[in-house]
Amino acid sequence: MITQKAPSNIALVKYWGKREGQLPANPSVSFTLTNCYTETSVTYNPEHTASFEFFFEGEAKPSFHPKLTTFFERIADLVPFIKEYHLRIDSHNSFPHSSGIASSASAMAALALCLVRMEQQLGTPMTEEEALQKASVLARLGSGSACRSVYSGLVVWGAHKSIAGSSDDYGIPYPLTVNEVFKNYQDSILLIDKGRKQVSSSVGHNLMHGHPFAQARFAQAHQHIEELIPVFAAGDLERFIAIIESEALTLHAMMQTSQPYFILMRPNTLEAINRIWAFRQETKTPVGFTLDAGANVHLLYPAFCKEAVQAFITAELKELCEGGQVIADAVKG
């Protein structure tokens, strides 16, 4: 049996829109988290034909089989050895599955890591760098953003002219200078709405085809990464916050201007954003927000102001969350 863990990640520059082969329409940059992770075990036994069974938190989950079947079809040429095995896949999350935190990135990254470790156990020699890169490729074919969860810290996925080694095929650890302030960055996740999204991310990505603002959005992502390079090096928190908040709002603007259009934010999402802005203006605390393709708010801030932000969350933000639930996380360094 092989067991691997992979954390969730939160994109700072968003990936939205993809090309054939699960390739991104624009590059993205993310923080890999620490506390929100998936742990997956794979037990493999020889069989004449490929087969698998999947268990989530101890229970058989045949509803996951179509997604896994598609994944195994996509990676068949990269891991041909699995055609000779029956796989039992056992998986669980450190966070509630219904918490509103996207788990596809951590889940697919953990499974991809298991398959690469399986290949190594079966005798294929690989350096650790080669193993992680292959896991990132496999993870991407399961869920695009999963390719970033293979690595710690700041991760880049998608080719960018100013970042050597960046690729559309896999993520890489951010290779340039990073100020210490970003190495223990905090992420308090406000669970505004724990329900299932009415529009899946896959559908949302596909709506970027023919979107009237798509090309401008892709260019903006490239430009924001360019601007983040000196920001990461200098620890420029004011500019960092401006970029990540712009990215979050642009992501949701693209959803609201697609055909068909849709809104994933909820009233309490907007109220939380307004309270964050007011708190930042009144106290000069360098706290900002980002959003994934959902209603929940990721409150991002440096460790040195953790006490002040935690007090603010307790006083003003918890009441906006479903069941008062907030997940405390931080960048995995």
Protein backbone atom coordinates (compact mmCIF):
# COMPACT_ATOMS: atom_id res chain seq x y z
CA MET A 1 0.00 0.00 0.00
CA ILE A 2 1.13 3.52 -0.84
CA THR A 3 -0.07 6.57 1.08
CA GLN A 4 0.43 10.20 0.04
CA LYS A 5 -0.87 13.56 1.24
CA ALA A 6 -1.46 16.66 -0.86
CA PRO A 7 -2.78 20.01 0.38
CA SER A 8 -5.31 22.30 -1.21
CA ASN A 9 -4.06 25.52 -2.81
CA ILE A 10 -5.44 28.99 -3.28
CA ALA A 11 -4.71 30.81 -6.53
CA LEU A 12 -3.49 34.40 -6.33
CA VAL A 13 -3.51 34.86 -10.10
CA LYS A 14 -6.45 32.79 -11.29
CA TYR A 15 -6.63 30.04 -13.91
CA TRP A 16 -9.94 30.43 -15.72
CA GLY A 17 -10.34 29.00 -19.19
CA LYS A 18 -8.59 25.99 -20.64
CA ARG A 19 -7.48 24.51 -23.92
CA GLU A 20 -7.60 20.94 -25.21
CA GLY A 21 -5.71 18.51 -23.00
CA GLN A 22 -6.41 20.29 -19.69
CA LEU A 23 -3.97 23.05 -20.62
CA PRO A 24 -4.47 26.52 -19.14
CA ALA A 25 -5.51 29.51 -21.22
CA ASN A 26 -3.36 31.68 -18.93
CA PRO A 27 -0.65 31.16 -16.31
CA SER A 28 -1.51 31.16 -12.61
CA VAL A 29 0.27 31.49 -9.27
CA SER A 30 -0.91 29.94 -6.01
CA PHE A 31 -0.14 29.49 -2.33
CA THR A 32 -0.09 25.84 -1.25
CA LEU A 33 -1.83 25.49 2.10
CA THR A 34 -1.04 23.30 5.12
CA ASN A 35 -4.09 22.22 7.10
CA CYS A 36 -6.58 21.54 4.28
CA TYR A 37 -5.28 18.36 2.65
CA THR A 38 -6.33 15.02 1.18
CA GLU A 39 -4.65 11.79 2.24
CA THR A 40 -4.96 8.91 -0.21
CA SER A 41 -3.86 5.28 -0.06
CA VAL A 42 -3.61 2.97 -3.05
CA THR A 43 -3.44 -0.80 -2.70
CA TYR A 44 -2.61 -2.59 -5.94
CA ASN A 45 -3.03 -6.23 -6.88
CA PRO A 46 -2.19 -7.93 -10.22
CA GLU A 47 -5.13 -8.39 -12.58
CA HIS A 48 -5.51 -9.24 -16.26
CA THR A 49 -7.37 -6.00 -16.90
CA ALA A 50 -7.38 -2.61 -15.22
CA SER A 51 -10.02 -2.04 -12.56
CA PHE A 52 -10.49 0.07 -9.45
CA GLU A 53 -12.71 0.69 -6.46
CA PHE A 54 -12.93 3.95 -4.55
CA PHE A 55 -13.64 4.58 -0.87
CA PHE A 56 -14.06 8.01 0.68
CA GLU A 57 -13.71 8.19 4.45
CA GLY A 58 -14.31 4.45 4.69
CA GLU A 59 -17.40 4.25 2.49
CA ALA A 60 -17.60 2.99 -1.09
CA LYS A 61 -18.38 5.90 -3.40
CA PRO A 62 -19.40 4.68 -6.88
CA SER A 63 -20.58 8.23 -7.64
CA PHE A 64 -16.89 9.19 -7.97
CA HIS A 65 -16.23 6.47 -10.55
CA PRO A 66 -17.07 8.46 -13.71
CA LYS A 67 -14.56 11.20 -12.84
CA LEU A 68 -11.90 8.62 -11.98
CA THR A 69 -12.62 6.63 -15.14
CA THR A 70 -12.08 9.76 -17.22
CA PHE A 71 -8.87 10.46 -15.32
CA PHE A 72 -7.49 6.95 -15.90
CA GLU A 73 -8.35 7.18 -19.60
CA ARG A 74 -6.45 10.47 -19.90
CA ILE A 75 -3.32 9.16 -18.19
CA ALA A 76 -3.30 5.67 -19.74
CA ASP A 77 -0.30 6.34 -21.98
CA LEU A 78 1.70 7.94 -19.16
CA VAL A 79 1.18 5.10 -16.66
CA PRO A 80 0.59 2.00 -18.82
CA PHE A 81 1.49 -0.32 -15.93
CA ILE A 82 -1.87 0.31 -14.23
CA LYS A 83 -3.56 -1.74 -16.99
CA GLU A 84 -2.27 -4.82 -15.18
CA TYR A 85 -3.61 -4.01 -11.71
CA HIS A 86 -6.73 -3.66 -9.64
CA LEU A 87 -6.49 -0.52 -7.53
CA ARG A 88 -8.24 0.03 -4.22
CA ILE A 89 -8.23 3.77 -3.56
CA ASP A 90 -8.98 5.01 -0.03
CA SER A 91 -9.19 8.75 0.51
CA HIS A 92 -10.10 11.22 3.22
CA ASN A 93 -9.88 14.97 3.75
CA SER A 94 -8.66 16.87 6.79
CA PHE A 95 -11.58 19.24 6.25
CA PRO A 96 -15.30 18.40 5.95
CA HIS A 97 -16.20 17.31 2.43
CA SER A 98 -19.28 19.55 2.55
CA SER A 99 -17.36 22.54 3.92
CA GLY A 100 -17.38 24.44 0.65
CA ILE A 101 -13.63 24.04 0.15
CA ALA A 102 -12.76 22.69 -3.28
CA SER A 103 -11.19 19.28 -2.77
CA SER A 104 -10.51 18.24 -6.38
CA ALA A 105 -7.02 19.82 -6.39
CA SER A 106 -5.81 18.08 -3.23
CA ALA A 107 -7.58 14.81 -4.12
CA MET A 108 -6.14 14.51 -7.62
CA ALA A 109 -2.68 15.59 -6.50
CA ALA A 110 -2.64 12.95 -3.76
CA LEU A 111 -3.79 10.22 -6.18
CA ALA A 112 -1.23 11.30 -8.78
CA LEU A 113 1.55 11.13 -6.18
CA CYS A 114 0.41 7.61 -5.25
CA LEU A 115 0.58 6.47 -8.88
CA VAL A 116 4.09 7.87 -9.33
CA ARG A 117 5.27 6.19 -6.10
CA MET A 118 3.67 2.97 -7.37
CA GLU A 119 5.64 3.27 -10.60
CA GLN A 120 8.82 3.73 -8.57
CA GLN A 121 8.01 0.68 -6.43
CA LEU A 122 7.53 -1.34 -9.60
CA GLY A 123 11.09 -0.53 -10.65
CA THR A 124 11.11 2.69 -12.70
CA PRO A 125 14.03 4.86 -11.55
CA MET A 126 13.26 8.56 -11.10
CA THR A 127 14.87 11.43 -9.27
CA GLU A 128 12.62 13.20 -6.80
CA GLU A 129 12.39 16.17 -9.17
CA GLU A 130 11.30 13.86 -12.01
CA ALA A 131 8.79 12.12 -9.77
CA LEU A 132 7.15 15.37 -8.64
CA GLN A 133 7.05 16.74 -12.17
CA LYS A 134 5.36 13.59 -13.44
CA ALA A 135 2.89 13.71 -10.56
CA SER A 136 2.11 17.31 -11.49
CA VAL A 137 1.43 16.30 -15.11
CA LEU A 138 -0.86 13.46 -13.99
CA ALA A 139 -2.67 15.66 -11.47
CA ARG A 140 -3.33 18.30 -14.14
CA LEU A 141 -5.14 15.67 -16.23
CA GLY A 142 -7.47 15.04 -13.31
CA SER A 143 -8.07 18.64 -12.27
CA GLY A 144 -6.08 21.54 -13.71
CA SER A 145 -5.29 23.31 -10.45
CA ALA A 146 -4.25 19.99 -8.87
CA CYS A 147 -0.89 20.26 -10.63
CA ARG A 148 -0.02 23.11 -8.23
CA SER A 149 -0.82 21.05 -5.09
CA VAL A 150 2.11 18.72 -5.70
CA TYR A 151 4.52 21.42 -4.48
CA SER A 152 4.83 23.60 -1.37
CA GLY A 153 4.84 27.36 -1.05
CA LEU A 154 4.38 29.56 -4.09
CA VAL A 155 3.71 27.58 -7.27
CA VAL A 156 3.43 28.67 -10.92
CA TRP A 157 1.46 26.80 -13.55
CA GLY A 158 1.45 27.98 -17.14
CA ALA A 159 4.17 29.36 -19.38
CA HIS A 160 5.19 32.95 -18.58
CA LYS A 161 7.99 34.77 -20.35
CA SER A 162 9.59 36.06 -17.14
CA ILE A 163 9.59 32.78 -15.18
CA ALA A 164 12.18 30.30 -16.37
CA GLY A 165 10.98 26.70 -16.48
CA SER A 166 7.29 27.60 -16.32
CA SER A 167 5.12 25.27 -18.39
CA ASP A 168 1.53 24.65 -19.40
CA ASP A 169 2.09 20.94 -18.76
CA TYR A 170 2.92 21.04 -15.05
CA GLY A 171 3.42 23.33 -12.08
CA ILE A 172 6.81 24.42 -10.75
CA PRO A 173 7.90 25.94 -7.44
CA TYR A 174 8.15 29.71 -7.92
CA PRO A 175 11.86 30.08 -8.81
CA LEU A 176 12.50 33.76 -8.09
CA THR A 177 13.15 35.77 -4.92
CA VAL A 178 10.45 35.61 -2.25
CA ASN A 179 10.48 37.93 0.75
CA GLU A 180 10.21 36.27 4.17
CA VAL A 181 6.84 37.91 4.82
CA PHE A 182 5.21 35.59 2.24
CA LYS A 183 6.69 32.36 3.63
CA ASN A 184 4.28 31.96 6.55
CA TYR A 185 1.29 33.76 5.08
CA GLN A 186 -2.02 33.08 6.79
CA ASP A 187 -5.30 32.05 5.14
CA SER A 188 -8.47 32.17 7.19
CA ILE A 189 -11.25 30.66 5.09
CA LEU A 190 -14.67 32.15 5.75
CA LEU A 191 -17.26 29.47 4.95
CA ILE A 192 -20.01 31.74 3.69
CA ASP A 193 -21.92 28.99 1.88
CA LYS A 194 -21.14 25.29 2.24
CA GLY A 195 -23.66 24.19 -0.39
CA ARG A 196 -22.90 22.70 -3.77
CA LYS A 197 -22.21 25.27 -6.50
CA GLN A 198 -24.98 25.56 -9.07
CA VAL A 199 -22.38 25.83 -11.86
CA SER A 200 -19.31 23.58 -11.83
CA SER A 201 -15.84 24.94 -12.47
CA SER A 202 -15.56 22.74 -15.57
CA VAL A 203 -18.64 24.38 -17.07
CA GLY A 204 -17.30 27.81 -16.10
CA HIS A 205 -13.95 27.16 -17.79
CA ASN A 206 -15.69 26.13 -20.99
CA LEU A 207 -17.72 29.34 -21.03
CA MET A 208 -14.47 31.24 -21.63
CA HIS A 209 -14.55 29.96 -25.21
CA GLY A 210 -15.97 32.86 -27.17
CA HIS A 211 -16.25 35.05 -24.08
CA PRO A 212 -16.17 38.72 -25.23
CA PHE A 213 -13.55 39.64 -22.59
CA ALA A 214 -11.47 36.43 -22.64
CA GLN A 215 -8.39 37.75 -24.44
CA ALA A 216 -8.21 40.84 -22.23
CA ARG A 217 -8.50 38.61 -19.18
CA PHE A 218 -5.69 36.29 -20.32
CA ALA A 219 -3.45 39.31 -20.98
CA GLN A 220 -4.31 40.67 -17.52
CA ALA A 221 -3.17 37.42 -15.88
CA HIS A 222 0.20 37.62 -17.64
CA GLN A 223 0.55 41.25 -16.58
CA HIS A 224 -0.36 40.55 -12.96
CA ILE A 225 2.28 37.83 -12.72
CA GLU A 226 4.81 40.25 -14.18
CA GLU A 227 3.84 42.79 -11.51
CA LEU A 228 4.02 40.21 -8.72
CA ILE A 229 7.69 39.41 -9.39
CA PRO A 230 8.99 42.62 -7.74
CA VAL A 231 6.17 42.46 -5.19
CA PHE A 232 7.26 39.00 -4.00
CA ALA A 233 10.89 40.09 -3.89
CA ALA A 234 10.29 43.30 -1.93
CA GLY A 235 7.45 42.17 0.31
CA ASP A 236 5.22 44.95 -1.03
CA LEU A 237 2.01 44.08 0.82
CA GLU A 238 -0.02 47.04 -0.43
CA ARG A 239 0.53 46.14 -4.08
CA PHE A 240 0.13 42.41 -3.32
CA ILE A 241 -3.32 43.01 -1.85
CA ALA A 242 -4.36 45.21 -4.79
CA ILE A 243 -3.40 42.50 -7.31
CA ILE A 244 -4.97 39.52 -5.52
CA GLU A 245 -8.23 41.35 -4.88
CA SER A 246 -8.37 42.50 -8.50
CA GLU A 247 -7.83 38.89 -9.59
CA ALA A 248 -10.64 37.64 -7.37
CA LEU A 249 -13.11 40.22 -8.59
CA THR A 250 -12.10 39.71 -12.22
CA LEU A 251 -12.69 35.97 -11.89
CA HIS A 252 -16.25 36.57 -10.75
CA ALA A 253 -16.77 39.31 -13.33
CA MET A 254 -15.95 36.77 -16.04
CA MET A 255 -18.64 34.47 -14.66
CA GLN A 256 -21.17 37.27 -14.55
CA THR A 257 -20.49 38.27 -18.18
CA SER A 258 -20.38 34.82 -19.79
CA GLN A 259 -23.25 33.30 -21.78
CA PRO A 260 -25.03 31.93 -19.87
CA TYR A 261 -24.03 34.20 -16.98
CA PHE A 262 -24.06 33.14 -13.34
CA ILE A 263 -23.27 34.50 -9.88
CA LEU A 264 -21.51 32.38 -7.25
CA MET A 265 -21.04 35.10 -4.63
CA ARG A 266 -23.69 35.40 -1.93
CA PRO A 267 -24.90 38.49 -0.04
CA ASN A 268 -22.63 37.61 2.89
CA THR A 269 -19.67 37.34 0.50
CA LEU A 270 -20.16 40.98 -0.45
CA GLU A 271 -20.75 42.00 3.15
CA ALA A 272 -17.51 40.30 4.22
CA ILE A 273 -15.58 42.07 1.46
CA ASN A 274 -16.94 45.45 2.52
CA ARG A 275 -16.08 44.79 6.17
CA ILE A 276 -12.54 43.73 5.20
CA TRP A 277 -12.07 46.94 3.22
CA ALA A 278 -13.38 49.06 6.10
CA PHE A 279 -11.17 47.27 8.64
CA ARG A 280 -8.09 47.71 6.45
CA GLN A 281 -8.77 51.40 5.92
CA GLU A 282 -9.43 52.09 9.61
CA THR A 283 -6.56 50.06 11.11
CA LYS A 284 -4.00 49.99 8.26
CA THR A 285 -3.72 46.22 8.83
CA PRO A 286 -2.40 44.56 5.63
CA VAL A 287 -5.20 42.05 5.21
CA GLY A 288 -6.76 41.24 1.84
CA PHE A 289 -9.07 38.66 0.35
CA THR A 290 -9.32 36.33 -2.57
CA LEU A 291 -12.11 34.10 -3.86
CA ASP A 292 -12.19 30.80 -5.67
CA ALA A 293 -15.07 29.91 -7.98
CA GLY A 294 -17.52 29.99 -5.09
CA ALA A 295 -18.97 32.08 -2.30
CA ASN A 296 -16.31 31.53 0.36
CA VAL A 297 -13.76 34.20 1.22
CA HIS A 298 -10.06 33.51 1.76
CA LEU A 299 -8.70 36.14 4.14
CA LEU A 300 -4.96 36.47 3.41
CA TYR A 301 -2.56 38.25 5.76
CA PRO A 302 1.02 38.07 7.06
CA ALA A 303 1.73 36.21 10.31
CA PHE A 304 2.81 39.36 12.14
CA CYS A 305 -0.77 40.69 12.22
CA LYS A 306 -2.42 37.36 13.03
CA GLU A 307 -3.67 38.42 16.47
CA ALA A 308 -5.38 41.56 15.15
CA VAL A 309 -6.99 39.75 12.22
CA GLN A 310 -8.21 36.89 14.40
CA ALA A 311 -9.90 39.39 16.71
CA PHE A 312 -11.50 41.06 13.67
CA ILE A 313 -12.76 37.70 12.39
CA THR A 314 -14.32 36.90 15.78
CA ALA A 315 -15.91 40.33 16.15
CA GLU A 316 -17.19 40.96 12.62
CA LEU A 317 -16.82 38.07 10.19
CA LYS A 318 -17.79 34.81 11.91
CA GLU A 319 -21.42 35.91 12.05
CA LEU A 320 -21.44 36.00 8.23
CA CYS A 321 -20.30 32.37 7.94
CA GLU A 322 -22.56 29.33 7.78
CA GLY A 323 -22.61 27.96 11.30
CA GLY A 324 -19.96 30.53 12.22
CA GLN A 325 -17.37 28.25 10.61
CA VAL A 326 -13.89 29.55 9.75
CA ILE A 327 -10.98 27.29 8.76
CA ALA A 328 -7.53 28.45 9.89
CA ASP A 329 -4.77 27.65 7.42
CA ALA A 330 -1.40 28.96 6.31
CA VAL A 331 1.04 28.67 3.42
CA LYS A 332 2.93 25.37 3.33
CA GLY A 333 6.57 26.40 3.32
